[in-house]
Amino acid sequence: MGKIGNGVLCILIMGGICFIDLVSPLEVIVNSLYILAILASLWSASKLTTYFVTFVSLTLTVGVYILQSVSHSTFIVKANYLISIVVIIITAAISIRYKDSAQRHEAAVVERNKALEQLKVLQGILPICAHCKKIRNGEGSWVQMEYYISNHSEAKFSHGLCEECAKEYFPGYIRS
């Protein structure tokens, strides 16, 4: 659902609830249903929609209470409206926290997908010469191991000599 469609849906829900709240007796807790508009705002990508819907829901709840409580306002009526306000605020807080979590999750998925695109993995069985350590590539040619690995991964090579090879091939240059 688009941004405008979601906003219209939330406004229609709030308008319907406000109408029902105005025609219902004060003792009936209709205004708690504003949480439906807050939950509908979750379809919007923006947290501002949820803030706006929450603000309008609270304003309508207080406004209807003020309009209808002129004649009488019992403890039950005051408690019902207070409970409705608390429920609306808690629902909004949970909804906003959910949106934050969903945005973080979406960002992590995008980051993971970028990393997977950059990742080159060598897998499977590599045919390698037992003597010279060349690897047979997909065309059947034998290539140096360093060349093959460099072309099929992000690995780079730096050459050196281990102590055993240095002693065997350059015995005069190694101090014991």
Foldseek 3Di string as FASTA:
>chain_A
DDPVVLLVVLVVQLVVLLVCLLPDDLLDQSLLSLLVSLVSCLVPLDLVSNVVSLVVSLVSLVVSCVVPPPVHDDPSSVVSSVVSNVSSVVSSVVSSVVSVVVVVVVVVVVVVVVVVVQFFDDDDDWDADPPQRFTQDPVRDTHRPQVVDVVRGVDHDDDDDDPVVCCVPPVPPDDD
